[in-house]
Amino acid sequence: MNKQLLKAIQQRILCFLAVFTYCSSAFCQDSVRAPRKKIYHVNYFTGSLIIAGGLVSDYPAIGRIKNKPNLTNSEILDLNPGLLNPLDRWAIQQNPSQYLMYSKLSDNIEPPIFVILPALLGLDKKIRHDWLDLLFMYVEGHVITFTVYNYSWLGPTFQNKFRPITYYTSLPMGDRTTGNNRNSAYSGHTASVAYTTFFVAKVYCDYHPDASKLLWYTLAFIPPLAMGYIRVKALAHMPSDCITGLTVGAIVGIVLPQLHKFSCKGITLGMMNIPGASGLDVCWTLPTLK
């Protein structure tokens, strides 16, 4: 197994376990209180299928992404900085001497963000009652964000955009030609951090309708913006790649909790078999108006 892949999987498992341990120890005393109306509707069976399916399908995708063929010398020589847009051109005009330090920094600050920010929601008395539902949604969203990265046409499965490091002639050729340098589009680090921060902002605003959405979503922008900056300094991504990652993560972080606000009661799934055709049958029974 690719060492980078194994490390990434281990980090995410440890993060989820840390959040789960924190939540279960801090909020279990609230679970015995009387039932109340919940903001989110969580179907654990369907959600578990989404999480399991995402994890299983992501494994081969990561293998393909991490094991792309090395860049050839001709590809390196054909690089033309003049073809880059003005925004991305900044990424290839830096001092590359500290790129390894920035790369390690981005890897090291990502796990604490995954743990600390969602755990802070537990300090709110309104939110802590639903910690198990929120934890499940949080994990589900991370898997979805990761799957979008692995399988959308924006991501490295379909894109072979060269990382900024390939443009630096002062760096060793071996560092510039590794196959992983075909994975500039888009920034998965930024997407994951953006999902986390916007998920937290969305959940807080849903539990506190009177809260300033402008303030909370502005605060949610700061960590992924910082992560994007660090990833550019690490010569790993162009600024446009980080903007794409931030957008994807923010969309998942906002849309996923919103979808869970709708109840799926009345929806049935079955098999359809009519002359000349067969398939799935979805039926949604609307509630009777009184």
Protein backbone atom coordinates (compact mmCIF):
# COMPACT_ATOMS: atom_id res chain seq x y z
CA MET A 1 0.00 0.00 0.00
CA ASN A 2 1.26 3.51 -0.79
CA LYS A 3 2.73 5.01 2.40
CA GLN A 4 1.07 8.37 1.79
CA LEU A 5 -2.29 6.66 1.30
CA LEU A 6 -1.87 4.63 4.48
CA LYS A 7 -0.92 7.74 6.44
CA ALA A 8 -3.94 9.66 5.10
CA ILE A 9 -6.33 6.84 6.04
CA GLN A 10 -4.81 6.51 9.50
CA GLN A 11 -5.10 10.26 10.13
CA ARG A 12 -8.79 10.30 9.21
CA ILE A 13 -9.59 7.24 11.33
CA LEU A 14 -7.80 8.75 14.33
CA CYS A 15 -9.62 12.05 13.84
CA PHE A 16 -13.03 10.39 13.73
CA LEU A 17 -12.22 8.26 16.78
CA ALA A 18 -11.03 11.34 18.67
CA VAL A 19 -14.23 13.24 17.90
CA PHE A 20 -16.35 10.23 18.83
CA THR A 21 -14.52 9.72 22.14
CA TYR A 22 -14.79 13.39 23.03
CA CYS A 23 -18.48 13.57 22.19
CA SER A 24 -19.44 10.34 23.96
CA SER A 25 -17.60 11.30 27.15
CA ALA A 26 -18.78 14.91 27.22
CA PHE A 27 -22.40 14.58 26.13
CA CYS A 28 -23.60 11.14 27.22
CA GLN A 29 -25.30 12.61 30.28
CA ASP A 30 -27.60 14.62 28.02
CA SER A 31 -28.84 11.59 26.07
CA VAL A 32 -31.17 10.51 28.89
CA ARG A 33 -33.27 13.63 28.72
CA ALA A 34 -36.76 13.67 27.30
CA PRO A 35 -37.06 13.39 23.51
CA ARG A 36 -37.47 16.66 21.65
CA LYS A 37 -37.94 17.79 18.11
CA LYS A 38 -34.73 17.44 16.15
CA ILE A 39 -33.47 19.80 13.50
CA TYR A 40 -31.88 17.09 11.40
CA HIS A 41 -33.28 13.75 10.24
CA VAL A 42 -30.57 11.09 10.13
CA ASN A 43 -31.15 7.68 8.58
CA TYR A 44 -28.33 5.57 9.95
CA PHE A 45 -28.90 2.71 7.53
CA THR A 46 -28.79 4.86 4.41
CA GLY A 47 -25.97 6.96 5.79
CA SER A 48 -23.95 3.86 6.63
CA LEU A 49 -24.34 2.64 3.07
CA ILE A 50 -23.09 6.01 1.80
CA ILE A 51 -20.09 5.96 4.14
CA ALA A 52 -19.21 2.33 3.41
CA GLY A 53 -19.69 2.74 -0.33
CA GLY A 54 -17.59 5.87 -0.36
CA LEU A 55 -14.73 4.32 1.60
CA VAL A 56 -14.70 1.19 -0.56
CA SER A 57 -14.80 3.12 -3.83
CA ASP A 58 -12.23 5.67 -2.70
CA TYR A 59 -9.54 3.10 -2.04
CA PRO A 60 -8.86 2.12 -5.69
CA ALA A 61 -9.27 5.74 -6.78
CA ILE A 62 -6.53 6.91 -4.43
CA GLY A 63 -4.27 4.15 -5.69
CA ARG A 64 -4.70 5.33 -9.27
CA ILE A 65 -4.15 8.96 -8.31
CA LYS A 66 -1.03 8.31 -6.26
CA ASN A 67 0.53 6.00 -8.84
CA LYS A 68 0.38 8.10 -11.98
CA PRO A 69 3.37 7.74 -14.32
CA ASN A 70 6.32 10.04 -13.76
CA LEU A 71 6.64 13.13 -15.88
CA THR A 72 8.99 12.75 -18.80
CA ASN A 73 11.90 15.09 -19.47
CA SER A 74 10.13 16.36 -22.57
CA GLU A 75 7.05 17.27 -20.52
CA ILE A 76 9.22 19.22 -18.11
CA LEU A 77 11.01 21.02 -20.93
CA ASP A 78 7.72 21.89 -22.65
CA LEU A 79 6.34 23.72 -19.60
CA ASN A 80 5.46 27.29 -20.54
CA PRO A 81 4.82 29.65 -17.59
CA GLY A 82 3.38 32.19 -20.01
CA LEU A 83 0.33 29.97 -20.56
CA LEU A 84 -0.71 30.27 -16.92
CA ASN A 85 -3.33 32.81 -15.95
CA PRO A 86 -2.15 35.77 -13.84
CA LEU A 87 -3.60 34.31 -10.65
CA ASP A 88 -1.78 30.99 -10.98
CA ARG A 89 1.45 32.60 -12.13
CA TRP A 90 2.09 33.69 -8.54
CA ALA A 91 2.55 30.03 -7.57
CA ILE A 92 5.62 29.64 -9.78
CA GLN A 93 7.29 32.90 -8.72
CA GLN A 94 8.07 31.98 -5.09
CA ASN A 95 11.18 31.09 -3.14
CA PRO A 96 11.11 27.28 -3.24
CA SER A 97 13.63 26.76 -0.45
CA GLN A 98 10.97 26.11 2.23
CA TYR A 99 8.39 24.17 0.27
CA LEU A 100 8.97 20.98 2.28
CA MET A 101 8.35 22.84 5.52
CA TYR A 102 5.04 24.18 4.23
CA SER A 103 4.08 20.73 2.95
CA LYS A 104 4.62 19.19 6.39
CA LEU A 105 2.79 22.10 8.02
CA SER A 106 -0.31 21.53 5.89
CA ASP A 107 -0.32 17.83 6.75
CA ASN A 108 0.16 18.48 10.47
CA ILE A 109 -2.50 21.15 11.01
CA GLU A 110 -5.23 19.33 9.07
CA PRO A 111 -6.05 16.62 11.69
CA PRO A 112 -6.41 19.06 14.64
CA ILE A 113 -8.82 21.16 12.57
CA PHE A 114 -10.90 18.04 11.86
CA VAL A 115 -11.13 17.30 15.60
CA ILE A 116 -11.18 20.62 17.42
CA LEU A 117 -13.65 22.65 15.35
CA PRO A 118 -16.56 20.16 15.35
CA ALA A 119 -15.87 19.31 19.00
CA LEU A 120 -16.42 22.98 19.88
CA LEU A 121 -20.07 22.55 18.91
CA GLY A 122 -20.41 20.40 22.00
CA LEU A 123 -19.93 23.45 24.18
CA ASP A 124 -23.36 24.63 23.06
CA LYS A 125 -26.20 23.24 25.19
CA LYS A 126 -28.67 23.28 22.31
CA ILE A 127 -26.38 21.31 20.03
CA ARG A 128 -24.87 18.73 22.38
CA HIS A 129 -28.16 16.81 22.71
CA ASP A 130 -27.83 15.66 19.09
CA TRP A 131 -24.11 14.85 19.18
CA LEU A 132 -24.49 11.35 17.73
CA ASP A 133 -26.53 12.54 14.73
CA LEU A 134 -24.10 15.38 14.13
CA LEU A 135 -21.07 13.11 14.39
CA PHE A 136 -22.63 10.73 11.89
CA MET A 137 -23.42 13.58 9.50
CA TYR A 138 -19.91 14.97 9.92
CA VAL A 139 -18.26 11.67 8.98
CA GLU A 140 -20.70 11.20 6.11
CA GLY A 141 -19.81 14.63 4.74
CA HIS A 142 -16.08 13.97 4.92
CA VAL A 143 -16.54 10.77 2.93
CA ILE A 144 -18.66 12.60 0.35
CA THR A 145 -16.07 15.39 0.08
CA PHE A 146 -13.32 12.81 -0.42
CA THR A 147 -15.38 10.92 -3.01
CA VAL A 148 -16.10 14.10 -4.98
CA TYR A 149 -12.35 14.75 -5.02
CA ASN A 150 -11.63 11.25 -6.25
CA TYR A 151 -14.34 10.90 -8.89
CA SER A 152 -15.54 14.30 -10.09
CA TRP A 153 -14.21 15.63 -13.39
CA LEU A 154 -12.64 18.50 -11.43
CA GLY A 155 -10.34 16.14 -9.53
CA PRO A 156 -7.12 14.29 -10.31
CA THR A 157 -8.83 11.18 -11.64
CA PHE A 158 -9.76 13.12 -14.78
CA GLN A 159 -7.25 15.97 -14.58
CA ASN A 160 -3.47 15.82 -14.98
CA LYS A 161 -2.64 19.42 -14.13
CA PHE A 162 1.00 19.85 -13.14
CA ARG A 163 1.84 21.10 -9.67
CA PRO A 164 3.80 24.37 -9.32
CA ILE A 165 6.90 22.44 -8.22
CA THR A 166 7.37 21.16 -11.76
CA TYR A 167 8.19 24.70 -12.94
CA TYR A 168 11.13 25.29 -10.56
CA THR A 169 14.37 24.57 -12.42
CA SER A 170 16.39 25.14 -9.24
CA LEU A 171 14.92 22.00 -7.65
CA PRO A 172 16.21 18.47 -8.34
CA MET A 173 14.71 16.83 -11.40
CA GLY A 174 13.60 13.89 -9.28
CA ASP A 175 11.39 16.15 -7.18
CA ARG A 176 9.84 17.68 -10.27
CA THR A 177 9.10 14.52 -12.28
CA THR A 178 7.31 12.30 -9.72
CA GLY A 179 3.90 11.13 -10.93
CA ASN A 180 2.14 12.74 -7.96
CA ASN A 181 2.98 16.10 -9.53
CA ARG A 182 0.18 15.48 -12.04
CA ASN A 183 -2.36 16.05 -9.23
CA SER A 184 -2.50 19.82 -8.86
CA ALA A 185 -6.23 19.97 -9.61
CA TYR A 186 -7.70 20.37 -7.14
CA SER A 187 -6.63 20.90 -3.50
CA GLY A 188 -8.05 18.11 -1.36
CA HIS A 189 -6.56 19.64 1.81
CA THR A 190 -8.42 22.88 1.21
CA ALA A 191 -11.65 21.06 0.36
CA SER A 192 -11.56 18.98 3.56
CA VAL A 193 -10.85 21.99 5.76
CA ALA A 194 -13.56 24.03 4.01
CA TYR A 195 -16.07 21.23 4.53
CA THR A 196 -15.25 21.14 8.25
CA THR A 197 -15.53 24.87 8.84
CA PHE A 198 -18.67 25.41 6.77
CA PHE A 199 -20.31 22.35 8.33
CA VAL A 200 -19.68 23.82 11.78
CA ALA A 201 -20.98 27.25 10.71
CA LYS A 202 -24.08 25.76 9.08
CA VAL A 203 -24.94 23.60 12.08
CA TYR A 204 -24.48 26.48 14.51
CA CYS A 205 -26.66 28.79 12.43
CA ASP A 206 -29.38 26.12 12.12
CA TYR A 207 -29.53 25.77 15.90
CA HIS A 208 -29.35 29.54 16.35
CA PRO A 209 -31.52 31.13 13.62
CA ASP A 210 -30.89 34.60 15.03
CA ALA A 211 -27.10 34.29 14.70
CA SER A 212 -25.32 36.41 12.11
CA LYS A 213 -24.83 34.13 9.12
CA LEU A 214 -22.54 36.70 7.54
CA LEU A 215 -20.25 36.56 10.57
CA TRP A 216 -20.20 32.78 10.88
CA TYR A 217 -19.65 32.08 7.20
CA THR A 218 -16.96 34.74 7.06
CA LEU A 219 -15.20 33.00 9.94
CA ALA A 220 -15.63 29.70 8.09
CA PHE A 221 -13.66 31.12 5.17
CA ILE A 222 -10.53 31.82 7.21
CA PRO A 223 -9.12 28.30 7.89
CA PRO A 224 -9.51 27.02 4.27
CA LEU A 225 -8.05 30.28 2.95
CA ALA A 226 -5.06 29.78 5.24
CA MET A 227 -4.76 26.15 4.17
CA GLY A 228 -4.92 27.15 0.50
CA TYR A 229 -2.16 29.70 1.04
CA ILE A 230 0.02 27.08 2.74
CA ARG A 231 -0.58 24.57 -0.06
CA VAL A 232 0.50 27.15 -2.64
CA LYS A 233 3.63 27.87 -0.58
CA ALA A 234 4.23 24.11 -0.51
CA LEU A 235 4.33 24.21 -4.34
CA ALA A 236 1.52 21.64 -4.31
CA HIS A 237 -1.30 23.62 -5.93
CA MET A 238 -2.08 26.66 -8.02
CA PRO A 239 -4.31 29.30 -6.38
CA SER A 240 -7.17 28.32 -8.71
CA ASP A 241 -6.91 24.73 -7.42
CA CYS A 242 -7.31 25.96 -3.84
CA ILE A 243 -10.29 28.13 -4.82
CA THR A 244 -11.93 25.09 -6.40
CA GLY A 245 -11.26 22.99 -3.30
CA LEU A 246 -12.67 25.68 -1.03
CA THR A 247 -15.80 25.91 -3.19
CA VAL A 248 -16.38 22.15 -3.23
CA GLY A 249 -15.86 21.82 0.53
CA ALA A 250 -18.10 24.78 1.31
CA ILE A 251 -20.91 23.44 -0.86
CA VAL A 252 -20.83 20.01 0.81
CA GLY A 253 -20.58 21.59 4.26
CA ILE A 254 -23.70 23.68 3.67
CA VAL A 255 -25.80 21.40 1.47
CA LEU A 256 -25.37 18.17 3.47
CA PRO A 257 -26.89 19.50 6.73
CA GLN A 258 -29.62 21.24 4.71
CA LEU A 259 -30.58 17.95 3.04
CA HIS A 260 -30.78 16.30 6.46
CA LYS A 261 -33.36 18.87 7.51
CA PHE A 262 -35.87 17.16 5.21
CA SER A 263 -37.56 14.00 6.39
CA CYS A 264 -37.62 11.07 3.96
CA LYS A 265 -40.78 9.58 5.45
CA GLY A 266 -43.24 8.36 2.86
CA ILE A 267 -40.54 7.35 0.36
CA THR A 268 -40.48 3.68 -0.61
CA LEU A 269 -38.07 1.86 -2.91
CA GLY A 270 -38.92 -1.32 -4.77
CA MET A 271 -38.55 -3.25 -8.01
CA MET A 272 -40.57 -2.43 -11.10
CA ASN A 273 -41.37 -5.12 -13.64
CA ILE A 274 -43.65 -4.28 -16.58
CA PRO A 275 -43.82 -5.76 -20.09
CA GLY A 276 -40.64 -4.76 -21.88
CA ALA A 277 -38.95 -3.04 -18.96
CA SER A 278 -37.69 -3.60 -15.43
CA GLY A 279 -35.93 -1.43 -12.89
CA LEU A 280 -36.27 0.44 -9.62
CA ASP A 281 -39.55 1.98 -8.47
CA VAL A 282 -39.45 5.01 -6.16
CA CYS A 283 -42.74 6.14 -4.61
CA TRP A 284 -43.16 9.28 -2.50
CA THR A 285 -46.44 9.44 -0.58
CA LEU A 286 -47.23 13.04 0.32
CA PRO A 287 -48.82 13.70 3.71
CA THR A 288 -52.54 14.36 3.74
CA LEU A 289 -53.46 17.97 4.30
CA LYS A 290 -55.85 18.55 7.20
